[in-house]
């Protein structure tokens, strides 16, 4: 078990990673796919679909991490 501070630090680190991943997917990888000439339109479409799923999951995870952080703040115990 970890104390509240360590639990919050771990959750925040994971949330920052998820947020960074979602940002990179949206601002770089999805936009950059169109400039890759060696990929067919079908391959680009498939990659965009897959990356979009990852991005949506990452956004959902960020929301869930926020809920976990709130739970840790509200919970009076020190065992997480």
Protein backbone atom coordinates (compact mmCIF):
# COMPACT_ATOMS: atom_id res chain seq x y z
CA UNK A 1 0.00 0.00 0.00
CA UNK A 2 1.03 3.59 -0.59
CA UNK A 3 0.09 6.77 1.18
CA UNK A 4 -2.08 9.53 -0.26
CA UNK A 5 0.82 11.64 -1.57
CA UNK A 6 2.41 8.71 -3.39
CA UNK A 7 -0.96 7.62 -4.81
CA UNK A 8 -1.60 11.13 -6.13
CA UNK A 9 1.90 11.38 -7.58
CA UNK A 10 1.47 8.08 -9.42
CA UNK A 11 -1.97 9.03 -10.73
CA UNK A 12 -0.76 12.43 -11.91
CA UNK A 13 2.23 10.90 -13.67
CA UNK A 14 -0.03 8.44 -15.51
CA UNK A 15 -2.50 11.20 -16.39
CA UNK A 16 0.26 13.40 -17.77
CA UNK A 17 1.47 10.49 -19.92
CA UNK A 18 -2.03 9.81 -21.25
CA UNK A 19 -2.65 13.49 -21.96
CA UNK A 20 0.70 13.78 -23.74
CA UNK A 21 -0.06 10.73 -25.85
CA UNK A 22 -3.47 12.05 -26.87
CA UNK A 23 -1.96 15.43 -27.74
CA UNK A 24 0.80 13.89 -29.87
CA UNK A 25 -1.65 11.65 -31.68
CA UNK A 26 -3.91 14.55 -32.51
CA UNK A 27 -1.36 17.17 -33.35
CA UNK A 28 1.26 15.10 -35.12
CA UNK A 29 0.57 11.53 -36.13
CA UNK A 30 -2.95 11.91 -37.48
CA UNK A 31 -2.03 15.07 -39.38
CA UNK A 32 1.22 13.60 -40.70
CA UNK A 33 -0.37 10.50 -42.22
CA UNK A 34 -1.46 12.38 -45.32
CA UNK A 35 2.12 13.33 -46.12
CA UNK A 36 3.41 9.74 -46.14
CA UNK A 37 3.59 8.89 -49.80
CA UNK A 38 4.38 5.18 -49.43
CA UNK A 39 0.96 4.45 -47.94
CA UNK A 40 -2.17 3.81 -49.96
CA UNK A 41 -5.34 5.71 -49.13
CA UNK A 42 -6.78 2.49 -47.70
CA UNK A 43 -3.76 2.06 -45.41
CA UNK A 44 -3.94 5.70 -44.31
CA UNK A 45 -7.63 5.33 -43.54
CA UNK A 46 -7.01 2.21 -41.47
CA UNK A 47 -4.17 3.90 -39.55
CA UNK A 48 -6.31 6.98 -38.91
CA UNK A 49 -9.12 4.80 -37.60
CA UNK A 50 -6.77 2.90 -35.27
CA UNK A 51 -5.00 6.03 -34.04
CA UNK A 52 -8.35 7.73 -33.47
CA UNK A 53 -9.47 4.82 -31.29
CA UNK A 54 -6.26 5.15 -29.26
CA UNK A 55 -6.78 8.89 -28.96
CA UNK A 56 -10.39 8.46 -27.82
CA UNK A 57 -9.35 5.81 -25.29
CA UNK A 58 -6.66 8.12 -24.00
CA UNK A 59 -9.18 10.92 -23.53
CA UNK A 60 -11.45 8.52 -21.66
CA UNK A 61 -8.53 7.38 -19.49
CA UNK A 62 -7.75 11.00 -18.66
CA UNK A 63 -11.32 11.44 -17.44
CA UNK A 64 -11.07 8.25 -15.36
CA UNK A 65 -7.77 9.40 -13.86
CA UNK A 66 -9.45 12.64 -12.84
CA UNK A 67 -12.14 10.60 -11.08
CA UNK A 68 -9.49 8.51 -9.29
CA UNK A 69 -7.68 11.64 -8.13
CA UNK A 70 -10.95 12.98 -6.73
CA UNK A 71 -11.54 9.68 -4.94
CA UNK A 72 -8.10 9.82 -3.35
CA UNK A 73 -8.74 13.40 -2.20
CA UNK A 74 -12.11 12.47 -0.69
CA UNK A 75 -11.10 9.14 0.86
CA UNK A 76 -10.01 9.48 4.46
CA UNK A 77 -7.89 6.31 4.51
CA UNK A 78 -4.20 6.26 3.70
CA UNK A 79 -4.17 2.86 2.01
CA UNK A 80 -4.46 2.86 -1.78
